[in-house]
């Protein structure tokens, strides 16, 4: 037992976890591509996430009409507001617009309006804006989609952020600001 304790003390004396980051930073870009992101510090995982290729929703592209501050085209003025507020927090957050997400339990591919990475914590969030609650077909489809998220463990108020609007009750910008700040703090 004493030998094991001495070995642990020796290990502890010579172990510097930050050296992993230094070693990674010195690797060539080719070698970096072989490093599994699980072992990277959060800022480097965020950097990899931002560079990673992802599949964007490619149907109904005629509905893409509004340009964000980042230069991407989105479907609605409300999505511009959300995208621009997320973009203002680019030091803390990174997002993808309509990135493909496979829900295993539902055996279904969905495209959340925004997939958001908190660069500090490494947490991923999905943001859905429900912009046509007055449309019965749209509302029914959306209820099914939220249920599929929940069955897959993506819970509203935790990893799933929801905003709503109707024709008579537009998106509340204050609510968007509060939600973005909550994601930054998480």
N, C-alpha and C. Protein backbone atom coordinates (compact mmCIF):
# COMPACT_ATOMS: atom_id res chain seq x y z
N UNK A 1 0.83 -1.18 0.00
CA UNK A 1 0.00 0.00 0.00
C UNK A 1 0.88 1.25 0.00
N UNK A 2 1.97 1.21 0.78
CA UNK A 2 2.87 2.35 0.83
C UNK A 2 3.54 2.59 -0.51
N UNK A 3 3.87 1.53 -1.24
CA UNK A 3 4.47 1.67 -2.57
C UNK A 3 3.50 2.36 -3.53
N UNK A 4 2.24 1.96 -3.47
CA UNK A 4 1.23 2.58 -4.32
C UNK A 4 1.04 4.05 -3.97
N UNK A 5 1.03 4.35 -2.67
CA UNK A 5 0.89 5.74 -2.23
C UNK A 5 2.08 6.57 -2.71
N UNK A 6 3.28 6.02 -2.60
CA UNK A 6 4.48 6.72 -3.06
C UNK A 6 4.43 6.94 -4.58
N UNK A 7 3.95 5.93 -5.33
CA UNK A 7 3.83 6.06 -6.78
C UNK A 7 2.84 7.18 -7.14
N UNK A 8 1.74 7.26 -6.41
CA UNK A 8 0.76 8.32 -6.65
C UNK A 8 1.34 9.70 -6.33
N UNK A 9 2.09 9.80 -5.25
CA UNK A 9 2.71 11.08 -4.91
C UNK A 9 3.72 11.49 -5.97
N UNK A 10 4.48 10.52 -6.46
CA UNK A 10 5.46 10.79 -7.51
C UNK A 10 4.76 11.26 -8.79
N UNK A 11 3.67 10.58 -9.14
CA UNK A 11 2.89 10.97 -10.32
C UNK A 11 2.37 12.40 -10.17
N UNK A 12 1.81 12.68 -9.00
CA UNK A 12 1.23 13.99 -8.75
C UNK A 12 2.29 15.10 -8.84
N UNK A 13 3.50 14.81 -8.39
CA UNK A 13 4.58 15.78 -8.42
C UNK A 13 4.98 16.14 -9.86
N UNK A 14 4.86 15.18 -10.77
CA UNK A 14 5.32 15.38 -12.15
C UNK A 14 4.18 15.56 -13.16
N UNK A 15 2.95 15.63 -12.66
CA UNK A 15 1.80 15.74 -13.56
C UNK A 15 1.34 17.19 -13.66
N UNK A 16 1.31 17.71 -14.88
CA UNK A 16 0.85 19.07 -15.14
C UNK A 16 -0.18 18.99 -16.27
N UNK A 17 -1.48 18.99 -15.92
CA UNK A 17 -2.51 18.83 -16.96
C UNK A 17 -2.44 19.87 -18.07
N UNK A 18 -1.99 21.08 -17.77
CA UNK A 18 -1.93 22.12 -18.79
C UNK A 18 -0.92 21.81 -19.88
N UNK A 19 0.01 20.88 -19.61
CA UNK A 19 0.99 20.51 -20.63
C UNK A 19 0.32 19.88 -21.85
N UNK A 20 -0.82 19.21 -21.62
CA UNK A 20 -1.54 18.62 -22.76
C UNK A 20 -1.92 19.69 -23.76
N UNK A 21 -2.37 20.83 -23.26
CA UNK A 21 -2.74 21.94 -24.13
C UNK A 21 -1.52 22.48 -24.87
N UNK A 22 -0.41 22.64 -24.15
CA UNK A 22 0.81 23.14 -24.78
C UNK A 22 1.29 22.19 -25.88
N UNK A 23 1.25 20.90 -25.59
CA UNK A 23 1.67 19.90 -26.58
C UNK A 23 0.77 19.97 -27.80
N UNK A 24 -0.54 20.07 -27.58
CA UNK A 24 -1.48 20.14 -28.69
C UNK A 24 -1.20 21.36 -29.56
N UNK A 25 -0.96 22.50 -28.93
CA UNK A 25 -0.73 23.74 -29.69
C UNK A 25 0.51 23.66 -30.57
N UNK A 26 1.47 22.83 -30.19
CA UNK A 26 2.71 22.71 -30.95
C UNK A 26 2.59 21.72 -32.12
N UNK A 27 1.51 20.96 -32.17
CA UNK A 27 1.34 19.99 -33.25
C UNK A 27 1.07 20.69 -34.58
N UNK A 28 1.45 20.03 -35.66
CA UNK A 28 1.11 20.54 -36.99
C UNK A 28 -0.40 20.39 -37.21
N UNK A 29 -0.97 21.16 -38.12
CA UNK A 29 -2.41 21.04 -38.39
C UNK A 29 -2.82 19.61 -38.76
N UNK A 30 -1.95 18.91 -39.48
CA UNK A 30 -2.27 17.53 -39.88
C UNK A 30 -2.38 16.63 -38.65
N UNK A 31 -1.45 16.77 -37.72
CA UNK A 31 -1.46 15.94 -36.51
C UNK A 31 -2.63 16.33 -35.60
N UNK A 32 -2.96 17.61 -35.56
CA UNK A 32 -4.08 18.05 -34.73
C UNK A 32 -5.38 17.36 -35.15
N UNK A 33 -5.51 17.09 -36.43
CA UNK A 33 -6.74 16.46 -36.92
C UNK A 33 -6.93 15.05 -36.35
N UNK A 34 -5.86 14.43 -35.84
CA UNK A 34 -5.96 13.09 -35.27
C UNK A 34 -6.28 13.08 -33.77
N UNK A 35 -6.26 14.25 -33.15
CA UNK A 35 -6.50 14.34 -31.71
C UNK A 35 -8.00 14.35 -31.45
N UNK A 36 -8.43 13.49 -30.55
CA UNK A 36 -9.84 13.40 -30.19
C UNK A 36 -10.23 14.61 -29.34
N UNK A 37 -11.28 15.29 -29.72
CA UNK A 37 -11.70 16.53 -29.05
C UNK A 37 -12.09 16.31 -27.59
N UNK A 38 -12.34 15.11 -27.16
CA UNK A 38 -12.71 14.85 -25.77
C UNK A 38 -11.61 15.30 -24.82
N UNK A 39 -10.38 15.20 -25.24
CA UNK A 39 -9.25 15.51 -24.37
C UNK A 39 -8.74 16.93 -24.52
N UNK A 40 -9.41 17.73 -25.28
CA UNK A 40 -8.97 19.11 -25.49
C UNK A 40 -9.60 20.04 -24.46
N UNK A 41 -8.91 21.12 -24.11
CA UNK A 41 -9.54 22.13 -23.26
C UNK A 41 -10.70 22.78 -24.03
N UNK A 42 -11.62 23.36 -23.30
CA UNK A 42 -12.85 23.88 -23.92
C UNK A 42 -12.59 24.85 -25.06
N UNK A 43 -11.63 25.77 -24.91
CA UNK A 43 -11.42 26.75 -25.98
C UNK A 43 -10.94 26.09 -27.26
N UNK A 44 -10.18 25.00 -27.13
CA UNK A 44 -9.73 24.31 -28.34
C UNK A 44 -10.84 23.43 -28.93
N UNK A 45 -11.69 22.89 -28.05
CA UNK A 45 -12.83 22.13 -28.57
C UNK A 45 -13.76 23.07 -29.32
N UNK A 46 -13.94 24.28 -28.81
CA UNK A 46 -14.79 25.26 -29.50
C UNK A 46 -14.20 25.62 -30.85
N UNK A 47 -12.90 25.77 -30.90
CA UNK A 47 -12.22 26.07 -32.17
C UNK A 47 -12.44 24.96 -33.19
N UNK A 48 -12.34 23.71 -32.74
CA UNK A 48 -12.59 22.58 -33.65
C UNK A 48 -14.05 22.55 -34.09
N UNK A 49 -14.97 22.81 -33.16
CA UNK A 49 -16.40 22.79 -33.47
C UNK A 49 -16.71 23.82 -34.55
N UNK A 50 -16.09 24.99 -34.45
CA UNK A 50 -16.34 26.05 -35.43
C UNK A 50 -15.80 25.70 -36.81
N UNK A 51 -14.72 24.96 -36.86
CA UNK A 51 -14.11 24.59 -38.14
C UNK A 51 -14.77 23.36 -38.76
N UNK A 52 -15.47 22.60 -37.96
CA UNK A 52 -16.07 21.34 -38.40
C UNK A 52 -17.13 21.56 -39.49
N UNK A 53 -17.13 20.70 -40.48
CA UNK A 53 -18.15 20.75 -41.52
C UNK A 53 -19.46 20.19 -40.95
N UNK A 54 -20.57 20.77 -41.32
CA UNK A 54 -21.86 20.28 -40.86
C UNK A 54 -22.87 20.41 -41.98
N UNK A 55 -23.87 19.55 -41.92
CA UNK A 55 -24.87 19.51 -42.98
C UNK A 55 -26.01 20.48 -42.66
N UNK A 56 -26.20 21.42 -43.57
CA UNK A 56 -27.25 22.43 -43.42
C UNK A 56 -28.53 21.97 -44.11
N UNK A 57 -29.64 22.46 -43.63
CA UNK A 57 -30.94 22.17 -44.23
C UNK A 57 -30.97 22.74 -45.64
N UNK A 58 -31.24 21.90 -46.62
CA UNK A 58 -31.17 22.36 -48.01
C UNK A 58 -32.50 22.32 -48.73
N UNK A 59 -33.60 22.17 -47.98
CA UNK A 59 -34.93 22.21 -48.61
C UNK A 59 -35.57 23.57 -48.33
N UNK A 60 -36.48 23.93 -49.17
CA UNK A 60 -37.24 25.18 -49.02
C UNK A 60 -36.32 26.39 -48.94
N UNK A 61 -35.28 26.40 -49.75
CA UNK A 61 -34.32 27.51 -49.72
C UNK A 61 -34.92 28.81 -50.25
N UNK A 62 -36.04 28.72 -50.96
CA UNK A 62 -36.69 29.93 -51.43
C UNK A 62 -37.24 30.76 -50.27
N UNK A 63 -37.41 30.14 -49.10
CA UNK A 63 -37.87 30.86 -47.91
C UNK A 63 -36.77 31.64 -47.22
N UNK A 64 -35.53 31.45 -47.64
CA UNK A 64 -34.40 32.17 -47.05
C UNK A 64 -34.30 33.54 -47.71
N UNK A 65 -34.67 34.59 -46.96
CA UNK A 65 -34.73 35.92 -47.57
C UNK A 65 -34.08 37.03 -46.78
N UNK A 66 -33.70 36.78 -45.53
CA UNK A 66 -33.25 37.86 -44.66
C UNK A 66 -31.79 37.64 -44.25
N UNK A 67 -30.98 38.69 -44.35
CA UNK A 67 -29.55 38.57 -44.07
C UNK A 67 -29.20 39.03 -42.65
N UNK A 68 -28.38 38.22 -41.97
CA UNK A 68 -27.92 38.54 -40.62
C UNK A 68 -26.64 39.36 -40.67
N UNK A 69 -26.20 39.82 -39.51
CA UNK A 69 -24.94 40.56 -39.43
C UNK A 69 -23.75 39.71 -39.87
N UNK A 70 -23.85 38.41 -39.72
CA UNK A 70 -22.79 37.49 -40.13
C UNK A 70 -22.82 37.20 -41.62
N UNK A 71 -23.87 37.68 -42.30
CA UNK A 71 -23.97 37.48 -43.74
C UNK A 71 -24.70 36.23 -44.16
N UNK A 72 -25.25 35.49 -43.22
CA UNK A 72 -26.02 34.31 -43.59
C UNK A 72 -27.48 34.70 -43.84
N UNK A 73 -28.15 33.89 -44.61
CA UNK A 73 -29.54 34.17 -44.97
C UNK A 73 -30.44 33.27 -44.14
N UNK A 74 -31.45 33.88 -43.49
CA UNK A 74 -32.38 33.14 -42.63
C UNK A 74 -33.80 33.35 -43.14
N UNK A 75 -34.74 32.67 -42.51
CA UNK A 75 -36.12 32.64 -43.00
C UNK A 75 -37.01 33.78 -42.52
N UNK A 76 -36.68 34.39 -41.39
CA UNK A 76 -37.60 35.38 -40.84
C UNK A 76 -36.86 36.52 -40.16
N UNK A 77 -37.57 37.61 -39.96
CA UNK A 77 -37.01 38.75 -39.24
C UNK A 77 -36.72 38.37 -37.78
N UNK A 78 -37.53 37.51 -37.22
CA UNK A 78 -37.29 37.06 -35.85
C UNK A 78 -36.00 36.25 -35.76
N UNK A 79 -35.72 35.44 -36.77
CA UNK A 79 -34.48 34.68 -36.77
C UNK A 79 -33.27 35.61 -36.94
N UNK A 80 -33.44 36.72 -37.64
CA UNK A 80 -32.37 37.71 -37.72
C UNK A 80 -32.06 38.24 -36.32
N UNK A 81 -33.09 38.58 -35.58
CA UNK A 81 -32.91 39.11 -34.22
C UNK A 81 -32.14 38.11 -33.37
N UNK A 82 -32.57 36.86 -33.39
CA UNK A 82 -31.92 35.82 -32.58
C UNK A 82 -30.47 35.64 -33.03
N UNK A 83 -30.26 35.50 -34.33
CA UNK A 83 -28.90 35.29 -34.86
C UNK A 83 -27.99 36.45 -34.49
N UNK A 84 -28.46 37.67 -34.64
CA UNK A 84 -27.63 38.83 -34.35
C UNK A 84 -27.30 38.94 -32.86
N UNK A 85 -28.25 38.58 -32.01
CA UNK A 85 -27.97 38.61 -30.57
C UNK A 85 -26.98 37.51 -30.18
N UNK A 86 -27.10 36.36 -30.80
CA UNK A 86 -26.12 35.30 -30.55
C UNK A 86 -24.74 35.73 -31.05
N UNK A 87 -24.72 36.36 -32.21
CA UNK A 87 -23.46 36.80 -32.80
C UNK A 87 -22.77 37.87 -31.95
N UNK A 88 -23.55 38.70 -31.26
CA UNK A 88 -22.97 39.72 -30.38
C UNK A 88 -22.20 39.08 -29.23
N UNK A 89 -22.50 37.84 -28.94
CA UNK A 89 -21.82 37.12 -27.85
C UNK A 89 -20.82 36.11 -28.41
N UNK A 90 -20.24 36.42 -29.57
CA UNK A 90 -19.33 35.49 -30.25
C UNK A 90 -18.11 35.12 -29.42
N UNK A 91 -17.73 35.93 -28.44
CA UNK A 91 -16.62 35.56 -27.57
C UNK A 91 -16.97 34.36 -26.70
N UNK A 92 -18.26 34.22 -26.40
CA UNK A 92 -18.73 33.15 -25.52
C UNK A 92 -19.51 32.06 -26.24
N UNK A 93 -20.15 32.43 -27.36
CA UNK A 93 -21.04 31.50 -28.04
C UNK A 93 -20.68 31.37 -29.51
N UNK A 94 -20.95 30.21 -30.04
CA UNK A 94 -20.85 29.98 -31.48
C UNK A 94 -22.14 29.28 -31.89
N UNK A 95 -22.62 29.56 -33.08
CA UNK A 95 -23.86 28.90 -33.49
C UNK A 95 -23.82 28.47 -34.95
N UNK A 96 -24.69 27.53 -35.23
CA UNK A 96 -24.93 27.06 -36.60
C UNK A 96 -26.41 27.26 -36.88
N UNK A 97 -26.71 27.67 -38.10
CA UNK A 97 -28.11 27.89 -38.49
C UNK A 97 -28.61 26.66 -39.25
N UNK A 98 -29.71 26.11 -38.78
CA UNK A 98 -30.39 24.96 -39.40
C UNK A 98 -29.45 23.78 -39.68
N UNK A 99 -28.62 23.45 -38.71
CA UNK A 99 -27.72 22.29 -38.84
C UNK A 99 -28.51 21.01 -38.59
N UNK A 100 -28.14 19.98 -39.32
CA UNK A 100 -28.81 18.69 -39.19
C UNK A 100 -28.56 18.08 -37.81
N UNK A 101 -29.62 17.51 -37.22
CA UNK A 101 -29.53 16.81 -35.94
C UNK A 101 -30.36 15.53 -36.05
N UNK A 102 -29.72 14.41 -35.75
CA UNK A 102 -30.42 13.13 -35.79
C UNK A 102 -30.96 12.80 -34.41
N UNK A 103 -32.28 12.59 -34.32
CA UNK A 103 -32.92 12.18 -33.08
C UNK A 103 -33.10 10.66 -33.13
N UNK A 104 -32.33 9.97 -32.30
CA UNK A 104 -32.27 8.51 -32.36
C UNK A 104 -33.61 7.85 -32.05
N UNK A 105 -34.23 8.25 -30.95
CA UNK A 105 -35.47 7.58 -30.52
C UNK A 105 -36.58 7.73 -31.56
N UNK A 106 -36.66 8.90 -32.17
CA UNK A 106 -37.69 9.14 -33.19
C UNK A 106 -37.23 8.66 -34.57
N UNK A 107 -35.94 8.30 -34.67
CA UNK A 107 -35.35 7.91 -35.95
C UNK A 107 -35.68 8.96 -37.01
N UNK A 108 -35.33 10.20 -36.67
CA UNK A 108 -35.74 11.34 -37.49
C UNK A 108 -34.63 12.39 -37.50
N UNK A 109 -34.46 13.01 -38.64
CA UNK A 109 -33.53 14.14 -38.75
C UNK A 109 -34.33 15.43 -38.65
N UNK A 110 -33.87 16.32 -37.78
CA UNK A 110 -34.49 17.64 -37.64
C UNK A 110 -33.41 18.68 -37.89
N UNK A 111 -33.84 19.91 -38.05
CA UNK A 111 -32.92 21.02 -38.29
C UNK A 111 -33.31 22.16 -37.36
N UNK A 112 -32.80 22.14 -36.11
CA UNK A 112 -33.13 23.24 -35.20
C UNK A 112 -32.74 24.57 -35.84
N UNK A 113 -33.47 25.60 -35.53
CA UNK A 113 -33.13 26.91 -36.09
C UNK A 113 -31.68 27.27 -35.77
N UNK A 114 -31.28 27.03 -34.52
CA UNK A 114 -29.92 27.33 -34.11
C UNK A 114 -29.38 26.21 -33.23
N UNK A 115 -28.16 25.79 -33.51
CA UNK A 115 -27.41 24.90 -32.63
C UNK A 115 -26.31 25.77 -32.07
N UNK A 116 -26.27 25.86 -30.74
CA UNK A 116 -25.40 26.84 -30.08
C UNK A 116 -24.40 26.12 -29.18
N UNK A 117 -23.16 26.53 -29.27
CA UNK A 117 -22.11 26.01 -28.39
C UNK A 117 -21.69 27.11 -27.43
N UNK A 118 -21.75 26.82 -26.13
CA UNK A 118 -21.15 27.71 -25.14
C UNK A 118 -19.67 27.36 -25.11
N UNK A 119 -18.82 28.28 -25.56
CA UNK A 119 -17.40 28.01 -25.72
C UNK A 119 -16.69 27.75 -24.39
N UNK A 120 -17.21 28.31 -23.33
CA UNK A 120 -16.56 28.16 -22.02
C UNK A 120 -16.91 26.82 -21.37
N UNK A 121 -18.19 26.47 -21.39
CA UNK A 121 -18.63 25.24 -20.71
C UNK A 121 -18.64 24.03 -21.62
N UNK A 122 -18.67 24.26 -22.94
CA UNK A 122 -18.75 23.15 -23.88
C UNK A 122 -20.16 22.62 -24.08
N UNK A 123 -21.15 23.25 -23.44
CA UNK A 123 -22.53 22.78 -23.55
C UNK A 123 -23.11 23.17 -24.91
N UNK A 124 -23.95 22.27 -25.43
CA UNK A 124 -24.66 22.50 -26.69
C UNK A 124 -26.13 22.77 -26.38
N UNK A 125 -26.68 23.76 -27.06
CA UNK A 125 -28.11 24.11 -26.93
C UNK A 125 -28.73 24.11 -28.32
N UNK A 126 -30.03 23.86 -28.34
CA UNK A 126 -30.80 23.92 -29.58
C UNK A 126 -31.90 24.95 -29.37
N UNK A 127 -32.05 25.84 -30.35
CA UNK A 127 -33.04 26.93 -30.23
C UNK A 127 -34.02 26.78 -31.38
N UNK A 128 -35.26 26.67 -31.01
CA UNK A 128 -36.35 26.63 -32.00
C UNK A 128 -37.22 27.86 -31.80
N UNK A 129 -37.45 28.57 -32.89
CA UNK A 129 -38.38 29.70 -32.85
C UNK A 129 -39.66 29.27 -33.53
N UNK A 130 -40.73 29.36 -32.80
CA UNK A 130 -42.05 28.97 -33.32
C UNK A 130 -42.74 30.24 -33.77
N UNK A 131 -42.68 30.49 -35.07
CA UNK A 131 -43.13 31.77 -35.58
C UNK A 131 -44.51 31.79 -36.19
N UNK A 132 -45.14 30.63 -36.31
CA UNK A 132 -46.47 30.62 -36.97
C UNK A 132 -47.45 29.81 -36.12
N UNK A 133 -47.58 30.19 -34.86
CA UNK A 133 -48.49 29.44 -33.98
C UNK A 133 -49.94 29.50 -34.45
N UNK A 134 -50.29 30.47 -35.23
CA UNK A 134 -51.66 30.57 -35.73
C UNK A 134 -51.99 29.56 -36.82
N UNK A 135 -50.98 28.95 -37.41
CA UNK A 135 -51.17 27.96 -38.47
C UNK A 135 -51.30 26.57 -37.84
N UNK A 136 -52.46 25.95 -37.96
CA UNK A 136 -52.76 24.69 -37.28
C UNK A 136 -51.80 23.56 -37.69
N UNK A 137 -51.51 23.43 -38.97
CA UNK A 137 -50.61 22.36 -39.44
C UNK A 137 -49.21 22.57 -38.88
N UNK A 138 -48.73 23.81 -38.96
CA UNK A 138 -47.41 24.15 -38.43
C UNK A 138 -47.35 23.84 -36.93
N UNK A 139 -48.37 24.24 -36.19
CA UNK A 139 -48.40 24.02 -34.74
C UNK A 139 -48.39 22.53 -34.41
N UNK A 140 -49.18 21.74 -35.12
CA UNK A 140 -49.21 20.29 -34.88
C UNK A 140 -47.85 19.66 -35.16
N UNK A 141 -47.22 20.06 -36.26
CA UNK A 141 -45.88 19.54 -36.58
C UNK A 141 -44.88 19.93 -35.51
N UNK A 142 -45.02 21.13 -35.00
CA UNK A 142 -44.07 21.59 -34.01
C UNK A 142 -44.22 20.84 -32.68
N UNK A 143 -45.45 20.58 -32.28
CA UNK A 143 -45.68 19.80 -31.05
C UNK A 143 -45.02 18.43 -31.18
N UNK A 144 -45.18 17.80 -32.32
CA UNK A 144 -44.54 16.50 -32.57
C UNK A 144 -43.02 16.63 -32.47
N UNK A 145 -42.47 17.67 -33.06
CA UNK A 145 -41.03 17.88 -33.05
C UNK A 145 -40.50 18.07 -31.62
N UNK A 146 -41.18 18.87 -30.82
CA UNK A 146 -40.76 19.08 -29.43
C UNK A 146 -40.85 17.77 -28.65
N UNK A 147 -41.89 17.01 -28.87
CA UNK A 147 -42.01 15.70 -28.21
C UNK A 147 -40.85 14.78 -28.60
N UNK A 148 -40.46 14.82 -29.86
CA UNK A 148 -39.31 14.02 -30.31
C UNK A 148 -38.02 14.47 -29.63
N UNK A 149 -37.83 15.78 -29.50
CA UNK A 149 -36.66 16.30 -28.77
C UNK A 149 -36.64 15.73 -27.35
N UNK A 150 -37.78 15.84 -26.67
CA UNK A 150 -37.87 15.40 -25.27
C UNK A 150 -37.56 13.91 -25.15
N UNK A 151 -38.13 13.10 -26.03
CA UNK A 151 -37.87 11.65 -25.99
C UNK A 151 -36.40 11.35 -26.20
N UNK A 152 -35.68 12.22 -26.89
CA UNK A 152 -34.25 12.03 -27.14
C UNK A 152 -33.39 12.66 -26.03
N UNK A 153 -34.03 13.18 -24.99
CA UNK A 153 -33.29 13.73 -23.86
C UNK A 153 -32.93 15.20 -24.00
N UNK A 154 -33.47 15.87 -25.01
CA UNK A 154 -33.22 17.31 -25.20
C UNK A 154 -34.44 18.03 -24.62
N UNK A 155 -34.26 18.58 -23.43
CA UNK A 155 -35.38 19.05 -22.62
C UNK A 155 -35.56 20.57 -22.73
N UNK A 156 -36.80 21.02 -22.98
CA UNK A 156 -37.06 22.47 -23.00
C UNK A 156 -36.66 23.10 -21.66
N UNK A 157 -36.02 24.25 -21.76
CA UNK A 157 -35.57 24.94 -20.55
C UNK A 157 -34.20 24.49 -20.10
N UNK A 158 -33.69 23.41 -20.66
CA UNK A 158 -32.33 22.95 -20.34
C UNK A 158 -31.49 23.08 -21.61
N UNK A 159 -31.56 22.08 -22.51
CA UNK A 159 -30.80 22.15 -23.76
C UNK A 159 -31.63 22.71 -24.90
N UNK A 160 -32.93 22.73 -24.76
CA UNK A 160 -33.82 23.21 -25.83
C UNK A 160 -34.42 24.55 -25.43
N UNK A 161 -34.11 25.57 -26.22
CA UNK A 161 -34.62 26.92 -26.00
C UNK A 161 -35.75 27.15 -26.99
N UNK A 162 -36.88 27.62 -26.49
CA UNK A 162 -38.04 27.86 -27.34
C UNK A 162 -38.48 29.32 -27.24
N UNK A 163 -38.74 29.93 -28.38
CA UNK A 163 -39.37 31.25 -28.42
C UNK A 163 -40.58 31.15 -29.32
N UNK A 164 -41.54 32.02 -29.09
CA UNK A 164 -42.82 31.93 -29.79
C UNK A 164 -43.27 33.29 -30.28
N UNK A 165 -44.13 33.24 -31.28
CA UNK A 165 -44.83 34.45 -31.70
C UNK A 165 -46.05 34.07 -32.52
N UNK A 166 -47.00 34.99 -32.54
CA UNK A 166 -48.17 34.87 -33.39
C UNK A 166 -48.26 36.14 -34.22
N UNK A 167 -49.25 36.19 -35.06
CA UNK A 167 -49.45 37.38 -35.88
C UNK A 167 -49.70 38.61 -35.00
N UNK A 168 -50.44 38.43 -33.92
CA UNK A 168 -50.79 39.55 -33.04
C UNK A 168 -49.79 39.77 -31.91
N UNK A 169 -48.95 38.79 -31.62
CA UNK A 169 -47.99 38.88 -30.51
C UNK A 169 -46.60 38.55 -31.04
N UNK A 170 -45.84 39.58 -31.50
CA UNK A 170 -44.53 39.33 -32.11
C UNK A 170 -43.49 38.88 -31.09
N UNK A 171 -42.35 38.46 -31.60
CA UNK A 171 -41.24 38.03 -30.77
C UNK A 171 -40.85 39.15 -29.80
N UNK A 172 -40.70 38.78 -28.54
CA UNK A 172 -40.31 39.74 -27.51
C UNK A 172 -38.78 39.79 -27.45
N UNK A 173 -38.20 40.89 -27.86
CA UNK A 173 -36.75 41.04 -27.93
C UNK A 173 -36.12 40.93 -26.54
N UNK A 174 -36.80 41.43 -25.52
CA UNK A 174 -36.27 41.31 -24.15
C UNK A 174 -36.12 39.84 -23.75
N UNK A 175 -37.07 39.02 -24.16
CA UNK A 175 -37.00 37.59 -23.85
C UNK A 175 -35.78 36.97 -24.54
N UNK A 176 -35.55 37.36 -25.78
CA UNK A 176 -34.38 36.84 -26.51
C UNK A 176 -33.10 37.23 -25.78
N UNK A 177 -33.00 38.48 -25.34
CA UNK A 177 -31.80 38.94 -24.61
C UNK A 177 -31.59 38.12 -23.34
N UNK A 178 -32.65 37.88 -22.61
CA UNK A 178 -32.56 37.10 -21.36
C UNK A 178 -32.09 35.69 -21.66
N UNK A 179 -32.66 35.06 -22.68
CA UNK A 179 -32.29 33.69 -23.02
C UNK A 179 -30.83 33.60 -23.47
N UNK A 180 -30.38 34.55 -24.28
CA UNK A 180 -28.98 34.55 -24.73
C UNK A 180 -28.06 34.69 -23.52
N UNK A 181 -28.38 35.58 -22.60
CA UNK A 181 -27.56 35.76 -21.39
C UNK A 181 -27.53 34.49 -20.54
N UNK A 182 -28.65 33.78 -20.46
CA UNK A 182 -28.69 32.53 -19.70
C UNK A 182 -27.78 31.48 -20.34
N UNK A 183 -27.75 31.43 -21.66
CA UNK A 183 -26.86 30.48 -22.34
C UNK A 183 -25.41 30.85 -22.07
N UNK A 184 -25.09 32.13 -22.12
CA UNK A 184 -23.72 32.59 -21.86
C UNK A 184 -23.30 32.19 -20.44
N UNK A 185 -24.20 32.33 -19.46
CA UNK A 185 -23.87 32.04 -18.06
C UNK A 185 -23.76 30.54 -17.77
N UNK A 186 -24.33 29.70 -18.63
CA UNK A 186 -24.39 28.27 -18.30
C UNK A 186 -23.06 27.56 -18.44
